[in-house]
Amino acid sequence: MKESAMGVNIEKIRPASQIGELIRYKDLIRSLVIRDLKVRYKSSVLGFIWSLLNPLLMMVVFTFVFTIILPSGKEDFPIFFLAGLLPWQFFANSVAMTTRSIVDNAHLIKKVYFPREVLPLAGVLSNLVNFLLALAVFFALSPFFRMRVTVWIFLLPLILLIQLLFTLGLAFVLCTANVFYRDTQHIMDTLMLLWFFLTPIFYSLEDMQPALSGLSLDLRNLIYTLNPMASLIKAYRAVLYYGRAPSLKRLGMTLLISLLVFVAGSLVFDRYDSLFSEEV
């Protein structure tokens, strides 16, 4: 017998619908999200304001570098950069937090029963809150940089949904791997730095065309396919910076890949979550 999150002993019976189970634990998810947000800014004078200041400070640094030291020639570079940085930070911070989510909550896993998916899900959702707050600042700054707001802005929720699926799927795999191989979190710290530079955040793939000119079109498309974040950043930038439609064909391919990653991650997590309490 295991104790439920409400303090009642119950058998661990997984319902047919895991989504339904997660809905029943929505209060626990909300509590964990609030806890994560409070812990992140504990003892910080500015608190949640850091979620807004951090991307702005990075924007200032990169704007100085790529307009003064190494001019990129990009019009309104701050908005161009933020349109790529904000979704990247949402992704990178989610990966960092969720990779450790099971190990960091070992005390909960050993004491009470709840759907273990709650932990990585709460980590992603807490970073989603920060992302939405940062987006509010982005839109507040947009009039100063003549951002082109068009009807394509309504595709933003779809792009965000695709990123959520990809991020959650990856989170399920990484937090599972980290339970059995604690080196995972350290390896990911290094890989995320490499991933950052391989993703068009402070540059566009169009800028890289001369360097990629020796590659076939199929190979260039493969590079895009292997890095869904590159496609997502380009889609965000299309609707937020250029005010135009993203490539729907590429976005559809990214949606398919994200769904596959999400399903695969869910299966991996479900296969091993019964062993978490023994390993952590």
C-alpha atoms as a PDB file:
ATOM      1  CA  MET A   1       0.000   0.000   0.000  1.00  0.00           C
ATOM      2  CA  LYS A   2       1.173   3.521  -0.748  1.00  0.00           C
ATOM      3  CA  GLU A   3       0.102   6.806   0.712  1.00  0.00           C
ATOM      4  CA  SER A   4      -1.689   9.219  -1.598  1.00  0.00           C
ATOM      5  CA  ALA A   5      -0.718  12.877  -1.978  1.00  0.00           C
ATOM      6  CA  MET A   6      -3.660  13.690   0.322  1.00  0.00           C
ATOM      7  CA  GLY A   7      -2.403  11.376   3.062  1.00  0.00           C
ATOM      8  CA  VAL A   8      -4.650   8.374   2.317  1.00  0.00           C
ATOM      9  CA  ASN A   9      -3.173   4.939   1.740  1.00  0.00           C
ATOM     10  CA  ILE A  10      -4.034   3.624  -1.680  1.00  0.00           C
ATOM     11  CA  GLU A  11      -2.853   1.066  -4.169  1.00  0.00           C
ATOM     12  CA  LYS A  12      -0.894   2.419  -7.085  1.00  0.00           C
ATOM     13  CA  ILE A  13      -3.479   1.810  -9.793  1.00  0.00           C
ATOM     14  CA  ARG A  14      -2.761   3.642 -13.027  1.00  0.00           C
ATOM     15  CA  PRO A  15      -5.988   4.591 -14.822  1.00  0.00           C
ATOM     16  CA  ALA A  16      -6.393   3.987 -18.512  1.00  0.00           C
ATOM     17  CA  SER A  17      -6.096   7.684 -19.162  1.00  0.00           C
ATOM     18  CA  GLN A  18      -2.961   9.254 -17.724  1.00  0.00           C
ATOM     19  CA  ILE A  19      -4.308  12.638 -18.761  1.00  0.00           C
ATOM     20  CA  GLY A  20      -7.340  12.048 -16.578  1.00  0.00           C
ATOM     21  CA  GLU A  21      -5.057  11.152 -13.680  1.00  0.00           C
ATOM     22  CA  LEU A  22      -3.058  14.333 -14.134  1.00  0.00           C
ATOM     23  CA  ILE A  23      -6.262  16.367 -14.158  1.00  0.00           C
ATOM     24  CA  ARG A  24      -7.222  14.826 -10.815  1.00  0.00           C
ATOM     25  CA  TYR A  25      -3.862  15.997  -9.454  1.00  0.00           C
ATOM     26  CA  LYS A  26      -4.182  19.514 -10.858  1.00  0.00           C
ATOM     27  CA  ASP A  27      -3.996  21.020  -7.365  1.00  0.00           C
ATOM     28  CA  LEU A  28      -0.690  19.265  -6.737  1.00  0.00           C
ATOM     29  CA  ILE A  29       0.637  20.466 -10.102  1.00  0.00           C
ATOM     30  CA  ARG A  30      -0.379  24.029  -9.271  1.00  0.00           C
ATOM     31  CA  SER A  31       1.299  23.792  -5.857  1.00  0.00           C
ATOM     32  CA  LEU A  32       4.530  22.481  -7.383  1.00  0.00           C
ATOM     33  CA  VAL A  33       4.544  25.219 -10.026  1.00  0.00           C
ATOM     34  CA  ILE A  34       4.103  27.884  -7.345  1.00  0.00           C
ATOM     35  CA  ARG A  35       6.797  26.228  -5.230  1.00  0.00           C
ATOM     36  CA  ASP A  36       9.248  26.178  -8.143  1.00  0.00           C
ATOM     37  CA  LEU A  37       8.608  29.842  -8.873  1.00  0.00           C
ATOM     38  CA  LYS A  38       9.089  30.818  -5.227  1.00  0.00           C
ATOM     39  CA  VAL A  39      12.258  28.733  -4.788  1.00  0.00           C
ATOM     40  CA  ARG A  40      13.822  30.173  -7.928  1.00  0.00           C
ATOM     41  CA  TYR A  41      13.653  33.711  -6.577  1.00  0.00           C
ATOM     42  CA  LYS A  42      14.006  32.974  -2.865  1.00  0.00           C
ATOM     43  CA  SER A  43      16.065  35.628  -1.046  1.00  0.00           C
ATOM     44  CA  SER A  44      16.150  37.674  -4.262  1.00  0.00           C
ATOM     45  CA  VAL A  45      15.387  41.361  -3.810  1.00  0.00           C
ATOM     46  CA  LEU A  46      13.853  41.721  -7.274  1.00  0.00           C
ATOM     47  CA  GLY A  47      12.066  38.366  -7.250  1.00  0.00           C
ATOM     48  CA  PHE A  48       9.971  37.694 -10.371  1.00  0.00           C
ATOM     49  CA  ILE A  49      11.353  40.824 -11.996  1.00  0.00           C
ATOM     50  CA  TRP A  50      14.462  38.766 -12.793  1.00  0.00           C
ATOM     51  CA  SER A  51      12.409  36.713 -15.236  1.00  0.00           C
ATOM     52  CA  LEU A  52      11.990  39.963 -17.171  1.00  0.00           C
ATOM     53  CA  LEU A  53      15.390  41.514 -16.544  1.00  0.00           C
ATOM     54  CA  ASN A  54      17.442  38.483 -17.527  1.00  0.00           C
ATOM     55  CA  PRO A  55      16.430  38.421 -21.210  1.00  0.00           C
ATOM     56  CA  LEU A  56      16.598  42.215 -21.362  1.00  0.00           C
ATOM     57  CA  LEU A  57      20.152  42.236 -20.004  1.00  0.00           C
ATOM     58  CA  MET A  58      21.176  39.529 -22.471  1.00  0.00           C
ATOM     59  CA  MET A  59      19.557  41.566 -25.230  1.00  0.00           C
ATOM     60  CA  VAL A  60      21.649  44.603 -24.244  1.00  0.00           C
ATOM     61  CA  VAL A  61      24.868  42.555 -24.252  1.00  0.00           C
ATOM     62  CA  PHE A  62      24.223  40.857 -27.593  1.00  0.00           C
ATOM     63  CA  THR A  63      22.967  44.102 -29.124  1.00  0.00           C
ATOM     64  CA  PHE A  64      26.217  45.814 -28.126  1.00  0.00           C
ATOM     65  CA  VAL A  65      28.277  42.955 -29.564  1.00  0.00           C
ATOM     66  CA  PHE A  66      26.383  42.620 -32.836  1.00  0.00           C
ATOM     67  CA  THR A  67      25.795  46.303 -33.525  1.00  0.00           C
ATOM     68  CA  ILE A  68      29.037  47.859 -32.260  1.00  0.00           C
ATOM     69  CA  ILE A  69      31.789  45.212 -32.177  1.00  0.00           C
ATOM     70  CA  LEU A  70      30.589  42.810 -34.884  1.00  0.00           C
ATOM     71  CA  PRO A  71      27.777  44.589 -36.757  1.00  0.00           C
ATOM     72  CA  SER A  72      25.228  42.097 -38.024  1.00  0.00           C
ATOM     73  CA  GLY A  73      23.365  44.545 -40.213  1.00  0.00           C
ATOM     74  CA  LYS A  74      20.053  43.372 -38.769  1.00  0.00           C
ATOM     75  CA  GLU A  75      17.379  46.044 -38.541  1.00  0.00           C
ATOM     76  CA  ASP A  76      15.998  46.390 -35.015  1.00  0.00           C
ATOM     77  CA  PHE A  77      18.431  43.779 -33.709  1.00  0.00           C
ATOM     78  CA  PRO A  78      17.076  43.833 -30.088  1.00  0.00           C
ATOM     79  CA  ILE A  79      13.639  42.606 -31.219  1.00  0.00           C
ATOM     80  CA  PHE A  80      15.225  40.176 -33.687  1.00  0.00           C
ATOM     81  CA  PHE A  81      17.324  38.733 -30.847  1.00  0.00           C
ATOM     82  CA  LEU A  82      14.535  38.614 -28.242  1.00  0.00           C
ATOM     83  CA  ALA A  83      12.215  36.803 -30.667  1.00  0.00           C
ATOM     84  CA  GLY A  84      14.718  33.947 -30.648  1.00  0.00           C
ATOM     85  CA  LEU A  85      16.071  34.218 -27.110  1.00  0.00           C
ATOM     86  CA  LEU A  86      12.785  34.082 -25.187  1.00  0.00           C
ATOM     87  CA  PRO A  87      11.584  30.723 -26.551  1.00  0.00           C
ATOM     88  CA  TRP A  88      15.130  29.362 -26.258  1.00  0.00           C
ATOM     89  CA  GLN A  89      15.336  30.317 -22.568  1.00  0.00           C
ATOM     90  CA  PHE A  90      11.963  28.690 -21.980  1.00  0.00           C
ATOM     91  CA  PHE A  91      13.316  25.504 -23.549  1.00  0.00           C
ATOM     92  CA  ALA A  92      16.785  25.556 -21.946  1.00  0.00           C
ATOM     93  CA  ASN A  93      15.523  26.385 -18.446  1.00  0.00           C
ATOM     94  CA  SER A  94      12.850  23.685 -18.726  1.00  0.00           C
ATOM     95  CA  VAL A  95      15.431  21.081 -19.738  1.00  0.00           C
ATOM     96  CA  ALA A  96      17.759  22.065 -16.889  1.00  0.00           C
ATOM     97  CA  MET A  97      14.999  21.970 -14.269  1.00  0.00           C
ATOM     98  CA  THR A  98      13.197  18.831 -15.433  1.00  0.00           C
ATOM     99  CA  THR A  99      16.343  16.742 -15.876  1.00  0.00           C
ATOM    100  CA  ARG A 100      16.802  16.973 -12.086  1.00  0.00           C
ATOM    101  CA  SER A 101      13.092  16.943 -11.227  1.00  0.00           C
ATOM    102  CA  ILE A 102      12.851  13.314 -10.087  1.00  0.00           C
ATOM    103  CA  VAL A 103      16.139  13.234  -8.166  1.00  0.00           C
ATOM    104  CA  ASP A 104      15.489  16.609  -6.507  1.00  0.00           C
ATOM    105  CA  ASN A 105      12.092  15.408  -5.281  1.00  0.00           C
ATOM    106  CA  ALA A 106      13.242  12.030  -3.943  1.00  0.00           C
ATOM    107  CA  HIS A 107      11.746  12.859  -0.541  1.00  0.00           C
ATOM    108  CA  LEU A 108       8.277  13.130  -2.104  1.00  0.00           C
ATOM    109  CA  ILE A 109       8.612  10.044  -4.272  1.00  0.00           C
ATOM    110  CA  LYS A 110       9.600   7.859  -1.325  1.00  0.00           C
ATOM    111  CA  LYS A 111       6.774   9.059   0.906  1.00  0.00           C
ATOM    112  CA  VAL A 112       3.626   9.474  -1.158  1.00  0.00           C
ATOM    113  CA  TYR A 113       2.051   8.267  -4.364  1.00  0.00           C
ATOM    114  CA  PHE A 114       1.184  10.661  -7.152  1.00  0.00           C
ATOM    115  CA  PRO A 115       1.677  10.466 -10.929  1.00  0.00           C
ATOM    116  CA  ARG A 116       5.424  10.925 -11.348  1.00  0.00           C
ATOM    117  CA  GLU A 117       4.758  12.827 -14.589  1.00  0.00           C
ATOM    118  CA  VAL A 118       3.624  15.673 -12.346  1.00  0.00           C
ATOM    119  CA  LEU A 119       7.232  16.580 -11.499  1.00  0.00           C
ATOM    120  CA  PRO A 120       8.644  17.260 -14.989  1.00  0.00           C
ATOM    121  CA  LEU A 121       5.294  18.729 -16.025  1.00  0.00           C
ATOM    122  CA  ALA A 122       5.400  21.229 -13.154  1.00  0.00           C
ATOM    123  CA  GLY A 123       8.958  22.191 -14.112  1.00  0.00           C
ATOM    124  CA  VAL A 124       7.948  22.942 -17.691  1.00  0.00           C
ATOM    125  CA  LEU A 125       4.833  24.858 -16.607  1.00  0.00           C
ATOM    126  CA  SER A 126       6.759  27.046 -14.155  1.00  0.00           C
ATOM    127  CA  ASN A 127       9.093  28.030 -16.977  1.00  0.00           C
ATOM    128  CA  LEU A 128       6.076  28.613 -19.211  1.00  0.00           C
ATOM    129  CA  VAL A 129       4.875  31.212 -16.694  1.00  0.00           C
ATOM    130  CA  ASN A 130       8.224  32.997 -16.935  1.00  0.00           C
ATOM    131  CA  PHE A 131       8.098  32.816 -20.728  1.00  0.00           C
ATOM    132  CA  LEU A 132       4.641  34.388 -20.853  1.00  0.00           C
ATOM    133  CA  LEU A 133       5.758  37.179 -18.512  1.00  0.00           C
ATOM    134  CA  ALA A 134       8.790  37.834 -20.712  1.00  0.00           C
ATOM    135  CA  LEU A 135       6.550  37.860 -23.799  1.00  0.00           C
ATOM    136  CA  ALA A 136       4.507  40.609 -22.166  1.00  0.00           C
ATOM    137  CA  VAL A 137       7.684  42.708 -21.920  1.00  0.00           C
ATOM    138  CA  PHE A 138       8.494  41.848 -25.537  1.00  0.00           C
ATOM    139  CA  PHE A 139       5.151  43.188 -26.725  1.00  0.00           C
ATOM    140  CA  ALA A 140       5.543  46.246 -24.482  1.00  0.00           C
ATOM    141  CA  LEU A 141       8.859  47.041 -26.209  1.00  0.00           C
ATOM    142  CA  SER A 142       7.611  46.310 -29.713  1.00  0.00           C
ATOM    143  CA  PRO A 143       6.267  49.839 -30.472  1.00  0.00           C
ATOM    144  CA  PHE A 144       9.730  51.279 -29.892  1.00  0.00           C
ATOM    145  CA  PHE A 145      11.163  48.950 -32.552  1.00  0.00           C
ATOM    146  CA  ARG A 146       8.263  49.149 -35.019  1.00  0.00           C
ATOM    147  CA  MET A 147       7.462  45.457 -34.679  1.00  0.00           C
ATOM    148  CA  ARG A 148       5.181  44.296 -37.468  1.00  0.00           C
ATOM    149  CA  VAL A 149       2.081  42.869 -35.766  1.00  0.00           C
ATOM    150  CA  THR A 150      -0.016  41.025 -38.357  1.00  0.00           C
ATOM    151  CA  VAL A 151      -2.726  38.394 -38.443  1.00  0.00           C
ATOM    152  CA  TRP A 152      -0.010  35.714 -38.309  1.00  0.00           C
ATOM    153  CA  ILE A 153       0.463  36.498 -34.623  1.00  0.00           C
ATOM    154  CA  PHE A 154      -2.508  34.179 -34.034  1.00  0.00           C
ATOM    155  CA  LEU A 155      -0.257  31.244 -34.932  1.00  0.00           C
ATOM    156  CA  LEU A 156       1.746  31.918 -31.769  1.00  0.00           C
ATOM    157  CA  PRO A 157      -0.312  29.503 -29.580  1.00  0.00           C
ATOM    158  CA  LEU A 158       0.215  26.714 -32.135  1.00  0.00           C
ATOM    159  CA  ILE A 159       3.978  27.280 -32.192  1.00  0.00           C
ATOM    160  CA  LEU A 160       4.017  27.322 -28.394  1.00  0.00           C
ATOM    161  CA  LEU A 161       2.011  24.079 -28.255  1.00  0.00           C
ATOM    162  CA  ILE A 162       4.515  22.367 -30.563  1.00  0.00           C
ATOM    163  CA  GLN A 163       7.372  23.548 -28.348  1.00  0.00           C
ATOM    164  CA  LEU A 164       5.563  22.279 -25.248  1.00  0.00           C
ATOM    165  CA  LEU A 165       5.164  18.823 -26.776  1.00  0.00           C
ATOM    166  CA  PHE A 166       8.823  18.644 -27.771  1.00  0.00           C
ATOM    167  CA  THR A 167      10.051  19.983 -24.425  1.00  0.00           C
ATOM    168  CA  LEU A 168       7.879  17.639 -22.358  1.00  0.00           C
ATOM    169  CA  GLY A 169       8.870  14.602 -24.407  1.00  0.00           C
ATOM    170  CA  LEU A 170      12.552  15.411 -24.002  1.00  0.00           C
ATOM    171  CA  ALA A 171      12.012  16.149 -20.302  1.00  0.00           C
ATOM    172  CA  PHE A 172      10.486  12.704 -19.725  1.00  0.00           C
ATOM    173  CA  VAL A 173      13.499  11.006 -21.303  1.00  0.00           C
ATOM    174  CA  LEU A 174      16.135  13.127 -19.536  1.00  0.00           C
ATOM    175  CA  CYS A 175      14.645  12.970 -16.031  1.00  0.00           C
ATOM    176  CA  THR A 176      14.317   9.184 -16.402  1.00  0.00           C
ATOM    177  CA  ALA A 177      17.925   8.827 -17.582  1.00  0.00           C
ATOM    178  CA  ASN A 178      19.129  11.051 -14.739  1.00  0.00           C
ATOM    179  CA  VAL A 179      17.582   8.738 -12.141  1.00  0.00           C
ATOM    180  CA  PHE A 180      19.826   5.879 -13.274  1.00  0.00           C
ATOM    181  CA  TYR A 181      22.793   7.890 -14.594  1.00  0.00           C
ATOM    182  CA  ARG A 182      23.378  11.084 -12.630  1.00  0.00           C
ATOM    183  CA  ASP A 183      25.931  12.238 -15.190  1.00  0.00           C
ATOM    184  CA  THR A 184      22.994  13.078 -17.455  1.00  0.00           C
ATOM    185  CA  GLN A 185      22.434  16.499 -15.897  1.00  0.00           C
ATOM    186  CA  HIS A 186      26.111  17.424 -16.242  1.00  0.00           C
ATOM    187  CA  ILE A 187      26.280  16.204 -19.828  1.00  0.00           C
ATOM    188  CA  MET A 188      23.194  18.217 -20.694  1.00  0.00           C
ATOM    189  CA  ASP A 189      24.736  21.398 -19.273  1.00  0.00           C
ATOM    190  CA  THR A 190      27.477  21.114 -21.905  1.00  0.00           C
ATOM    191  CA  LEU A 191      25.192  19.948 -24.705  1.00  0.00           C
ATOM    192  CA  MET A 192      22.795  22.846 -24.146  1.00  0.00           C
ATOM    193  CA  LEU A 193      25.623  25.322 -24.712  1.00  0.00           C
ATOM    194  CA  LEU A 194      26.448  23.619 -28.007  1.00  0.00           C
ATOM    195  CA  TRP A 195      22.740  23.458 -28.878  1.00  0.00           C
ATOM    196  CA  PHE A 196      22.472  27.216 -28.250  1.00  0.00           C
ATOM    197  CA  PHE A 197      25.084  28.017 -30.893  1.00  0.00           C
ATOM    198  CA  LEU A 198      23.614  25.518 -33.367  1.00  0.00           C
ATOM    199  CA  THR A 199      20.229  27.238 -33.103  1.00  0.00           C
ATOM    200  CA  PRO A 200      19.631  30.534 -34.964  1.00  0.00           C
ATOM    201  CA  ILE A 201      19.083  32.784 -31.947  1.00  0.00           C
ATOM    202  CA  PHE A 202      21.453  35.702 -32.538  1.00  0.00           C
ATOM    203  CA  TYR A 203      21.694  34.984 -36.254  1.00  0.00           C
ATOM    204  CA  SER A 204      19.350  33.731 -38.962  1.00  0.00           C
ATOM    205  CA  LEU A 205      19.838  30.697 -41.129  1.00  0.00           C
ATOM    206  CA  GLU A 206      19.719  32.997 -44.136  1.00  0.00           C
ATOM    207  CA  ASP A 207      22.921  34.601 -42.802  1.00  0.00           C
ATOM    208  CA  MET A 208      24.521  31.161 -42.835  1.00  0.00           C
ATOM    209  CA  GLN A 209      23.668  30.371 -46.449  1.00  0.00           C
ATOM    210  CA  PRO A 210      27.171  31.205 -47.763  1.00  0.00           C
ATOM    211  CA  ALA A 211      28.686  28.810 -45.210  1.00  0.00           C
ATOM    212  CA  LEU A 212      26.113  26.142 -46.076  1.00  0.00           C
ATOM    213  CA  SER A 213      26.269  26.653 -49.817  1.00  0.00           C
ATOM    214  CA  GLY A 214      28.452  23.569 -50.229  1.00  0.00           C
ATOM    215  CA  LEU A 215      25.754  21.380 -48.703  1.00  0.00           C
ATOM    216  CA  SER A 216      22.909  19.909 -50.688  1.00  0.00           C
ATOM    217  CA  LEU A 217      19.375  21.121 -50.068  1.00  0.00           C
ATOM    218  CA  ASP A 218      18.468  17.720 -48.600  1.00  0.00           C
ATOM    219  CA  LEU A 219      21.325  17.915 -46.117  1.00  0.00           C
ATOM    220  CA  ARG A 220      20.363  21.430 -45.074  1.00  0.00           C
ATOM    221  CA  ASN A 221      16.790  20.246 -44.526  1.00  0.00           C
ATOM    222  CA  LEU A 222      18.142  17.324 -42.491  1.00  0.00           C
ATOM    223  CA  ILE A 223      20.026  19.765 -40.247  1.00  0.00           C
ATOM    224  CA  TYR A 224      16.722  21.572 -39.695  1.00  0.00           C
ATOM    225  CA  THR A 225      14.897  18.314 -38.993  1.00  0.00           C
ATOM    226  CA  LEU A 226      17.470  17.122 -36.467  1.00  0.00           C
ATOM    227  CA  ASN A 227      17.140  20.393 -34.549  1.00  0.00           C
ATOM    228  CA  PRO A 228      13.434  21.118 -33.999  1.00  0.00           C
ATOM    229  CA  MET A 229      14.358  24.199 -31.973  1.00  0.00           C
ATOM    230  CA  ALA A 230      15.854  25.758 -35.110  1.00  0.00           C
ATOM    231  CA  SER A 231      12.527  25.368 -36.886  1.00  0.00           C
ATOM    232  CA  LEU A 232      10.604  26.653 -33.873  1.00  0.00           C
ATOM    233  CA  ILE A 233      12.835  29.702 -33.429  1.00  0.00           C
ATOM    234  CA  LYS A 234      12.404  30.522 -37.110  1.00  0.00           C
ATOM    235  CA  ALA A 235       8.621  30.194 -36.721  1.00  0.00           C
ATOM    236  CA  TYR A 236       8.583  32.463 -33.652  1.00  0.00           C
ATOM    237  CA  ARG A 237      10.714  35.003 -35.490  1.00  0.00           C
ATOM    238  CA  ALA A 238       8.459  34.873 -38.554  1.00  0.00           C
ATOM    239  CA  VAL A 239       5.330  35.865 -36.616  1.00  0.00           C
ATOM    240  CA  LEU A 240       6.973  38.120 -33.996  1.00  0.00           C
ATOM    241  CA  TYR A 241       9.711  39.913 -35.955  1.00  0.00           C
ATOM    242  CA  TYR A 242       8.899  39.702 -39.655  1.00  0.00           C
ATOM    243  CA  GLY A 243       5.111  39.662 -39.267  1.00  0.00           C
ATOM    244  CA  ARG A 244       4.698  36.948 -41.860  1.00  0.00           C
ATOM    245  CA  ALA A 245       3.604  33.326 -42.058  1.00  0.00           C
ATOM    246  CA  PRO A 246       6.112  30.678 -40.995  1.00  0.00           C
ATOM    247  CA  SER A 247       6.819  27.792 -43.318  1.00  0.00           C
ATOM    248  CA  LEU A 248       3.727  25.681 -42.672  1.00  0.00           C
ATOM    249  CA  LYS A 249       5.372  22.644 -44.275  1.00  0.00           C
ATOM    250  CA  ARG A 250       8.361  22.864 -41.953  1.00  0.00           C
ATOM    251  CA  LEU A 251       6.128  23.663 -38.983  1.00  0.00           C
ATOM    252  CA  GLY A 252       4.051  20.585 -39.781  1.00  0.00           C
ATOM    253  CA  MET A 253       7.199  18.463 -39.886  1.00  0.00           C
ATOM    254  CA  THR A 254       8.287  19.911 -36.529  1.00  0.00           C
ATOM    255  CA  LEU A 255       4.845  19.115 -35.095  1.00  0.00           C
ATOM    256  CA  LEU A 256       5.190  15.506 -36.245  1.00  0.00           C
ATOM    257  CA  ILE A 257       8.674  15.203 -34.736  1.00  0.00           C
ATOM    258  CA  SER A 258       7.492  16.822 -31.497  1.00  0.00           C
ATOM    259  CA  LEU A 259       4.600  14.381 -31.244  1.00  0.00           C
ATOM    260  CA  LEU A 260       6.964  11.450 -31.803  1.00  0.00           C
ATOM    261  CA  VAL A 261       9.347  12.786 -29.134  1.00  0.00           C
ATOM    262  CA  PHE A 262       6.449  13.316 -26.731  1.00  0.00           C
ATOM    263  CA  VAL A 263       5.035   9.816 -27.261  1.00  0.00           C
ATOM    264  CA  ALA A 264       8.476   8.192 -27.043  1.00  0.00           C
ATOM    265  CA  GLY A 265       9.323  10.181 -23.915  1.00  0.00           C
ATOM    266  CA  SER A 266       6.003   9.231 -22.292  1.00  0.00           C
ATOM    267  CA  LEU A 267       6.587   5.552 -23.034  1.00  0.00           C
ATOM    268  CA  VAL A 268      10.123   5.639 -21.619  1.00  0.00           C
ATOM    269  CA  PHE A 269       8.928   7.437 -18.493  1.00  0.00           C
ATOM    270  CA  ASP A 270       6.000   5.046 -18.001  1.00  0.00           C
ATOM    271  CA  ARG A 271       8.295   2.049 -18.453  1.00  0.00           C
ATOM    272  CA  TYR A 272      10.667   3.024 -15.650  1.00  0.00           C
ATOM    273  CA  ASP A 273       8.743   5.252 -13.236  1.00  0.00           C
ATOM    274  CA  SER A 274       7.927   2.280 -10.980  1.00  0.00           C
ATOM    275  CA  LEU A 275      11.669   1.988 -10.250  1.00  0.00           C
ATOM    276  CA  PHE A 276      12.206   5.625  -9.283  1.00  0.00           C
ATOM    277  CA  SER A 277      11.586   5.170  -5.563  1.00  0.00           C
ATOM    278  CA  GLU A 278      14.254   2.449  -5.423  1.00  0.00           C
ATOM    279  CA  GLU A 279      16.866   4.405  -7.372  1.00  0.00           C
ATOM    280  CA  VAL A 280      16.594   7.880  -5.875  1.00  0.00           C
END
